[in-house]
Amino acid sequence: MADRTIRVVLDFERRCQHAEIRCRTCRRTVILPPKMIAKVYGPLTHVADAERRSRCRECGGRGATIRGVFREYHG
């Protein structure tokens, strides 16, 4: 289930959260930084639309679950 407190992709940058994207078919998980997810989906895209548009590179399945994850910066 997606994190419903984040409604628009731009909210990932506002809250400094990474996006955990999990394929609904094969359960493969990818974690993207906030700037990357805004670049891929567009900053004003709703998370529900981004979930429907997602396609897995591993199995080719459509649909994903996107939720916010707090990550520490080690740079």
PDB file of N, CA and C in Angstrom:
ATOM      1  N   MET A   1       0.843  -1.176   0.000  1.00  0.00           N
ATOM      2  CA  MET A   1       0.000   0.000   0.000  1.00  0.00           C
ATOM      3  C   MET A   1       0.890   1.242   0.000  1.00  0.00           C
ATOM      4  N   ALA A   2       0.544   2.180  -0.808  1.00  0.00           N
ATOM      5  CA  ALA A   2       1.354   3.387  -0.927  1.00  0.00           C
ATOM      6  C   ALA A   2       1.142   4.300   0.277  1.00  0.00           C
ATOM      7  N   ASP A   3       2.109   5.140   0.506  1.00  0.00           N
ATOM      8  CA  ASP A   3       2.020   6.131   1.571  1.00  0.00           C
ATOM      9  C   ASP A   3       1.098   7.250   1.086  1.00  0.00           C
ATOM     10  N   ARG A   4      -0.094   7.339   1.628  1.00  0.00           N
ATOM     11  CA  ARG A   4      -1.092   8.288   1.129  1.00  0.00           C
ATOM     12  C   ARG A   4      -0.846   9.712   1.599  1.00  0.00           C
ATOM     13  N   THR A   5       0.098   9.936   2.501  1.00  0.00           N
ATOM     14  CA  THR A   5       0.408  11.309   2.881  1.00  0.00           C
ATOM     15  C   THR A   5       1.148  12.020   1.756  1.00  0.00           C
ATOM     16  N   ILE A   6       1.745  11.262   0.867  1.00  0.00           N
ATOM     17  CA  ILE A   6       2.416  11.823  -0.307  1.00  0.00           C
ATOM     18  C   ILE A   6       1.475  11.641  -1.486  1.00  0.00           C
ATOM     19  N   ARG A   7       0.929  12.738  -1.985  1.00  0.00           N
ATOM     20  CA  ARG A   7      -0.060  12.658  -3.052  1.00  0.00           C
ATOM     21  C   ARG A   7       0.525  12.992  -4.419  1.00  0.00           C
ATOM     22  N   VAL A   8       1.547  13.845  -4.431  1.00  0.00           N
ATOM     23  CA  VAL A   8       2.165  14.293  -5.674  1.00  0.00           C
ATOM     24  C   VAL A   8       3.653  13.968  -5.591  1.00  0.00           C
ATOM     25  N   VAL A   9       4.269  13.675  -6.721  1.00  0.00           N
ATOM     26  CA  VAL A   9       5.679  13.291  -6.749  1.00  0.00           C
ATOM     27  C   VAL A   9       6.567  14.380  -6.151  1.00  0.00           C
ATOM     28  N   LEU A  10       6.185  15.637  -6.275  1.00  0.00           N
ATOM     29  CA  LEU A  10       6.972  16.742  -5.725  1.00  0.00           C
ATOM     30  C   LEU A  10       7.082  16.660  -4.198  1.00  0.00           C
ATOM     31  N   ASP A  11       6.123  16.003  -3.547  1.00  0.00           N
ATOM     32  CA  ASP A  11       6.156  15.862  -2.084  1.00  0.00           C
ATOM     33  C   ASP A  11       7.355  15.050  -1.600  1.00  0.00           C
ATOM     34  N   PHE A  12       7.916  14.194  -2.442  1.00  0.00           N
ATOM     35  CA  PHE A  12       9.113  13.447  -2.047  1.00  0.00           C
ATOM     36  C   PHE A  12      10.271  14.406  -1.785  1.00  0.00           C
ATOM     37  N   GLU A  13      10.411  15.439  -2.635  1.00  0.00           N
ATOM     38  CA  GLU A  13      11.478  16.423  -2.430  1.00  0.00           C
ATOM     39  C   GLU A  13      11.188  17.317  -1.233  1.00  0.00           C
ATOM     40  N   ARG A  14       9.942  17.684  -1.052  1.00  0.00           N
ATOM     41  CA  ARG A  14       9.578  18.552   0.072  1.00  0.00           C
ATOM     42  C   ARG A  14       9.839  17.880   1.412  1.00  0.00           C
ATOM     43  N   ARG A  15       9.637  16.592   1.483  1.00  0.00           N
ATOM     44  CA  ARG A  15       9.807  15.861   2.739  1.00  0.00           C
ATOM     45  C   ARG A  15      11.164  15.166   2.837  1.00  0.00           C
ATOM     46  N   CYS A  16      12.011  15.344   1.837  1.00  0.00           N
ATOM     47  CA  CYS A  16      13.344  14.727   1.801  1.00  0.00           C
ATOM     48  C   CYS A  16      13.249  13.212   1.967  1.00  0.00           C
ATOM     49  N   GLN A  17      12.334  12.600   1.238  1.00  0.00           N
ATOM     50  CA  GLN A  17      12.159  11.155   1.292  1.00  0.00           C
ATOM     51  C   GLN A  17      12.542  10.535  -0.038  1.00  0.00           C
ATOM     52  N   HIS A  18      13.124   9.348   0.035  1.00  0.00           N
ATOM     53  CA  HIS A  18      13.364   8.560  -1.157  1.00  0.00           C
ATOM     54  C   HIS A  18      12.078   7.804  -1.488  1.00  0.00           C
ATOM     55  N   ALA A  19      11.975   7.313  -2.702  1.00  0.00           N
ATOM     56  CA  ALA A  19      10.793   6.564  -3.119  1.00  0.00           C
ATOM     57  C   ALA A  19      11.153   5.092  -3.257  1.00  0.00           C
ATOM     58  N   GLU A  20      10.419   4.249  -2.567  1.00  0.00           N
ATOM     59  CA  GLU A  20      10.578   2.804  -2.718  1.00  0.00           C
ATOM     60  C   GLU A  20       9.524   2.343  -3.712  1.00  0.00           C
ATOM     61  N   ILE A  21       9.975   1.814  -4.834  1.00  0.00           N
ATOM     62  CA  ILE A  21       9.076   1.360  -5.892  1.00  0.00           C
ATOM     63  C   ILE A  21       9.152  -0.159  -5.938  1.00  0.00           C
ATOM     64  N   ARG A  22       8.016  -0.815  -5.722  1.00  0.00           N
ATOM     65  CA  ARG A  22       7.969  -2.279  -5.683  1.00  0.00           C
ATOM     66  C   ARG A  22       7.030  -2.783  -6.773  1.00  0.00           C
ATOM     67  N   CYS A  23       7.520  -3.677  -7.620  1.00  0.00           N
ATOM     68  CA  CYS A  23       6.725  -4.263  -8.692  1.00  0.00           C
ATOM     69  C   CYS A  23       5.628  -5.139  -8.090  1.00  0.00           C
ATOM     70  N   ARG A  24       4.427  -5.024  -8.614  1.00  0.00           N
ATOM     71  CA  ARG A  24       3.318  -5.835  -8.104  1.00  0.00           C
ATOM     72  C   ARG A  24       3.389  -7.271  -8.595  1.00  0.00           C
ATOM     73  N   THR A  25       4.095  -7.526  -9.689  1.00  0.00           N
ATOM     74  CA  THR A  25       4.165  -8.868 -10.250  1.00  0.00           C
ATOM     75  C   THR A  25       5.262  -9.703  -9.610  1.00  0.00           C
ATOM     76  N   CYS A  26       6.503  -9.216  -9.653  1.00  0.00           N
ATOM     77  CA  CYS A  26       7.640 -10.015  -9.174  1.00  0.00           C
ATOM     78  C   CYS A  26       8.190  -9.546  -7.831  1.00  0.00           C
ATOM     79  N   ARG A  27       7.667  -8.459  -7.276  1.00  0.00           N
ATOM     80  CA  ARG A  27       8.073  -7.910  -5.973  1.00  0.00           C
ATOM     81  C   ARG A  27       9.494  -7.354  -5.959  1.00  0.00           C
ATOM     82  N   ARG A  28      10.054  -7.044  -7.120  1.00  0.00           N
ATOM     83  CA  ARG A  28      11.374  -6.416  -7.188  1.00  0.00           C
ATOM     84  C   ARG A  28      11.274  -5.005  -6.628  1.00  0.00           C
ATOM     85  N   THR A  29      12.248  -4.593  -5.829  1.00  0.00           N
ATOM     86  CA  THR A  29      12.220  -3.289  -5.172  1.00  0.00           C
ATOM     87  C   THR A  29      13.380  -2.421  -5.649  1.00  0.00           C
ATOM     88  N   VAL A  30      13.066  -1.171  -5.963  1.00  0.00           N
ATOM     89  CA  VAL A  30      14.055  -0.176  -6.367  1.00  0.00           C
ATOM     90  C   VAL A  30      13.825   1.065  -5.510  1.00  0.00           C
ATOM     91  N   ILE A  31      14.898   1.676  -5.035  1.00  0.00           N
ATOM     92  CA  ILE A  31      14.784   2.899  -4.241  1.00  0.00           C
ATOM     93  C   ILE A  31      15.419   4.041  -5.031  1.00  0.00           C
ATOM     94  N   LEU A  32      14.634   5.086  -5.275  1.00  0.00           N
ATOM     95  CA  LEU A  32      15.102   6.238  -6.044  1.00  0.00           C
ATOM     96  C   LEU A  32      15.166   7.471  -5.152  1.00  0.00           C
ATOM     97  N   PRO A  33      16.175   8.318  -5.358  1.00  0.00           N
ATOM     98  CA  PRO A  33      16.234   9.585  -4.620  1.00  0.00           C
ATOM     99  C   PRO A  33      15.144  10.540  -5.115  1.00  0.00           C
ATOM    100  N   PRO A  34      14.817  11.558  -4.332  1.00  0.00           N
ATOM    101  CA  PRO A  34      13.713  12.456  -4.684  1.00  0.00           C
ATOM    102  C   PRO A  34      13.880  13.173  -6.025  1.00  0.00           C
ATOM    103  N   LYS A  35      15.081  13.604  -6.354  1.00  0.00           N
ATOM    104  CA  LYS A  35      15.278  14.306  -7.627  1.00  0.00           C
ATOM    105  C   LYS A  35      15.090  13.373  -8.815  1.00  0.00           C
ATOM    106  N   MET A  36      15.488  12.118  -8.661  1.00  0.00           N
ATOM    107  CA  MET A  36      15.354  11.160  -9.754  1.00  0.00           C
ATOM    108  C   MET A  36      13.886  10.819 -10.018  1.00  0.00           C
ATOM    109  N   ILE A  37      13.104  10.624  -8.966  1.00  0.00           N
ATOM    110  CA  ILE A  37      11.691  10.285  -9.187  1.00  0.00           C
ATOM    111  C   ILE A  37      10.933  11.460  -9.789  1.00  0.00           C
ATOM    112  N   ALA A  38      11.313  12.691  -9.436  1.00  0.00           N
ATOM    113  CA  ALA A  38      10.680  13.866 -10.045  1.00  0.00           C
ATOM    114  C   ALA A  38      11.058  13.976 -11.517  1.00  0.00           C
ATOM    115  N   LYS A  39      12.275  13.574 -11.860  1.00  0.00           N
ATOM    116  CA  LYS A  39      12.716  13.613 -13.251  1.00  0.00           C
ATOM    117  C   LYS A  39      12.019  12.533 -14.083  1.00  0.00           C
ATOM    118  N   VAL A  40      11.813  11.368 -13.508  1.00  0.00           N
ATOM    119  CA  VAL A  40      11.202  10.249 -14.231  1.00  0.00           C
ATOM    120  C   VAL A  40       9.707  10.479 -14.458  1.00  0.00           C
ATOM    121  N   TYR A  41       8.984  10.875 -13.429  1.00  0.00           N
ATOM    122  CA  TYR A  41       7.527  10.968 -13.515  1.00  0.00           C
ATOM    123  C   TYR A  41       6.999  12.381 -13.704  1.00  0.00           C
ATOM    124  N   GLY A  42       7.786  13.384 -13.413  1.00  0.00           N
ATOM    125  CA  GLY A  42       7.299  14.762 -13.461  1.00  0.00           C
ATOM    126  C   GLY A  42       6.844  15.182 -12.079  1.00  0.00           C
ATOM    127  N   PRO A  43       7.138  16.430 -11.675  1.00  0.00           N
ATOM    128  CA  PRO A  43       6.900  16.842 -10.290  1.00  0.00           C
ATOM    129  C   PRO A  43       5.431  16.922  -9.887  1.00  0.00           C
ATOM    130  N   LEU A  44       4.512  17.170 -10.805  1.00  0.00           N
ATOM    131  CA  LEU A  44       3.106  17.330 -10.439  1.00  0.00           C
ATOM    132  C   LEU A  44       2.260  16.093 -10.732  1.00  0.00           C
ATOM    133  N   THR A  45       2.890  14.975 -11.006  1.00  0.00           N
ATOM    134  CA  THR A  45       2.178  13.726 -11.250  1.00  0.00           C
ATOM    135  C   THR A  45       1.697  13.145  -9.929  1.00  0.00           C
ATOM    136  N   HIS A  46       0.447  12.717  -9.889  1.00  0.00           N
ATOM    137  CA  HIS A  46      -0.075  12.066  -8.690  1.00  0.00           C
ATOM    138  C   HIS A  46       0.589  10.704  -8.525  1.00  0.00           C
ATOM    139  N   VAL A  47       0.777  10.294  -7.283  1.00  0.00           N
ATOM    140  CA  VAL A  47       1.446   9.024  -7.002  1.00  0.00           C
ATOM    141  C   VAL A  47       0.643   7.858  -7.579  1.00  0.00           C
ATOM    142  N   ALA A  48      -0.679   7.927  -7.539  1.00  0.00           N
ATOM    143  CA  ALA A  48      -1.513   6.859  -8.098  1.00  0.00           C
ATOM    144  C   ALA A  48      -1.283   6.712  -9.606  1.00  0.00           C
ATOM    145  N   ASP A  49      -1.118   7.832 -10.317  1.00  0.00           N
ATOM    146  CA  ASP A  49      -0.832   7.777 -11.754  1.00  0.00           C
ATOM    147  C   ASP A  49       0.559   7.217 -12.011  1.00  0.00           C
ATOM    148  N   ALA A  50       1.519   7.589 -11.179  1.00  0.00           N
ATOM    149  CA  ALA A  50       2.880   7.068 -11.326  1.00  0.00           C
ATOM    150  C   ALA A  50       2.910   5.564 -11.067  1.00  0.00           C
ATOM    151  N   GLU A  51       2.103   5.086 -10.124  1.00  0.00           N
ATOM    152  CA  GLU A  51       2.033   3.649  -9.862  1.00  0.00           C
ATOM    153  C   GLU A  51       1.505   2.898 -11.074  1.00  0.00           C
ATOM    154  N   ARG A  52       0.496   3.455 -11.743  1.00  0.00           N
ATOM    155  CA  ARG A  52      -0.064   2.798 -12.926  1.00  0.00           C
ATOM    156  C   ARG A  52       0.896   2.830 -14.107  1.00  0.00           C
ATOM    157  N   ARG A  53       1.680   3.904 -14.241  1.00  0.00           N
ATOM    158  CA  ARG A  53       2.601   4.054 -15.373  1.00  0.00           C
ATOM    159  C   ARG A  53       3.865   3.224 -15.247  1.00  0.00           C
ATOM    160  N   SER A  54       4.175   2.763 -14.058  1.00  0.00           N
ATOM    161  CA  SER A  54       5.443   2.071 -13.819  1.00  0.00           C
ATOM    162  C   SER A  54       5.491   0.732 -14.548  1.00  0.00           C
ATOM    163  N   ARG A  55       6.671   0.426 -15.074  1.00  0.00           N
ATOM    164  CA  ARG A  55       6.905  -0.864 -15.724  1.00  0.00           C
ATOM    165  C   ARG A  55       8.207  -1.432 -15.179  1.00  0.00           C
ATOM    166  N   CYS A  56       8.184  -2.698 -14.805  1.00  0.00           N
ATOM    167  CA  CYS A  56       9.338  -3.360 -14.205  1.00  0.00           C
ATOM    168  C   CYS A  56      10.368  -3.713 -15.280  1.00  0.00           C
ATOM    169  N   ARG A  57      11.629  -3.477 -14.997  1.00  0.00           N
ATOM    170  CA  ARG A  57      12.695  -3.850 -15.933  1.00  0.00           C
ATOM    171  C   ARG A  57      13.003  -5.337 -15.875  1.00  0.00           C
ATOM    172  N   GLU A  58      12.701  -5.965 -14.761  1.00  0.00           N
ATOM    173  CA  GLU A  58      13.012  -7.381 -14.571  1.00  0.00           C
ATOM    174  C   GLU A  58      12.004  -8.281 -15.290  1.00  0.00           C
ATOM    175  N   CYS A  59      10.717  -8.105 -14.998  1.00  0.00           N
ATOM    176  CA  CYS A  59       9.695  -9.008 -15.535  1.00  0.00           C
ATOM    177  C   CYS A  59       8.842  -8.363 -16.627  1.00  0.00           C
ATOM    178  N   GLY A  60       8.882  -7.045 -16.755  1.00  0.00           N
ATOM    179  CA  GLY A  60       8.084  -6.353 -17.761  1.00  0.00           C
ATOM    180  C   GLY A  60       6.651  -6.086 -17.332  1.00  0.00           C
ATOM    181  N   GLY A  61       6.319  -6.410 -16.093  1.00  0.00           N
ATOM    182  CA  GLY A  61       4.958  -6.220 -15.595  1.00  0.00           C
ATOM    183  C   GLY A  61       4.634  -4.756 -15.359  1.00  0.00           C
ATOM    184  N   ARG A  62       3.361  -4.429 -15.505  1.00  0.00           N
ATOM    185  CA  ARG A  62       2.905  -3.058 -15.267  1.00  0.00           C
ATOM    186  C   ARG A  62       2.337  -2.946 -13.868  1.00  0.00           C
ATOM    187  N   GLY A  63       2.465  -1.769 -13.302  1.00  0.00           N
ATOM    188  CA  GLY A  63       1.917  -1.496 -11.982  1.00  0.00           C
ATOM    189  C   GLY A  63       2.959  -1.666 -10.900  1.00  0.00           C
ATOM    190  N   ALA A  64       2.950  -0.742  -9.957  1.00  0.00           N
ATOM    191  CA  ALA A  64       3.914  -0.774  -8.862  1.00  0.00           C
ATOM    192  C   ALA A  64       3.285  -0.128  -7.638  1.00  0.00           C
ATOM    193  N   THR A  65       3.934  -0.328  -6.521  1.00  0.00           N
ATOM    194  CA  THR A  65       3.560   0.341  -5.289  1.00  0.00           C
ATOM    195  C   THR A  65       4.681   1.314  -4.951  1.00  0.00           C
ATOM    196  N   ILE A  66       4.338   2.583  -4.753  1.00  0.00           N
ATOM    197  CA  ILE A  66       5.332   3.608  -4.452  1.00  0.00           C
ATOM    198  C   ILE A  66       5.049   4.153  -3.062  1.00  0.00           C
ATOM    199  N   ARG A  67       6.074   4.177  -2.224  1.00  0.00           N
ATOM    200  CA  ARG A  67       5.912   4.739  -0.884  1.00  0.00           C
ATOM    201  C   ARG A  67       7.160   5.502  -0.499  1.00  0.00           C
ATOM    202  N   GLY A  68       7.012   6.413   0.436  1.00  0.00           N
ATOM    203  CA  GLY A  68       8.123   7.228   0.900  1.00  0.00           C
ATOM    204  C   GLY A  68       8.951   6.499   1.939  1.00  0.00           C
ATOM    205  N   VAL A  69      10.274   6.646   1.837  1.00  0.00           N
ATOM    206  CA  VAL A  69      11.205   6.013   2.762  1.00  0.00           C
ATOM    207  C   VAL A  69      12.217   7.066   3.200  1.00  0.00           C
ATOM    208  N   PHE A  70      12.446   7.184   4.493  1.00  0.00           N
ATOM    209  CA  PHE A  70      13.485   8.087   4.985  1.00  0.00           C
ATOM    210  C   PHE A  70      14.828   7.387   4.883  1.00  0.00           C
ATOM    211  N   ARG A  71      15.803   8.059   4.269  1.00  0.00           N
ATOM    212  CA  ARG A  71      17.143   7.501   4.121  1.00  0.00           C
ATOM    213  C   ARG A  71      18.139   8.512   4.654  1.00  0.00           C
ATOM    214  N   GLU A  72      19.185   8.026   5.286  1.00  0.00           N
ATOM    215  CA  GLU A  72      20.242   8.916   5.756  1.00  0.00           C
ATOM    216  C   GLU A  72      21.200   9.202   4.612  1.00  0.00           C
ATOM    217  N   TYR A  73      21.712  10.419   4.581  1.00  0.00           N
ATOM    218  CA  TYR A  73      22.670  10.802   3.551  1.00  0.00           C
ATOM    219  C   TYR A  73      24.074  10.553   4.075  1.00  0.00           C
ATOM    220  N   HIS A  74      24.835   9.741   3.371  1.00  0.00           N
ATOM    221  CA  HIS A  74      26.224   9.459   3.736  1.00  0.00           C
ATOM    222  C   HIS A  74      27.111   9.958   2.608  1.00  0.00           C
ATOM    223  N   GLY A  75      27.412  11.220   2.570  1.00  0.00           N
ATOM    224  CA  GLY A  75      28.183  11.752   1.468  1.00  0.00           C
ATOM    225  C   GLY A  75      29.299  12.491   1.953  1.00  0.00           C
TER     226      GLY A  75
END
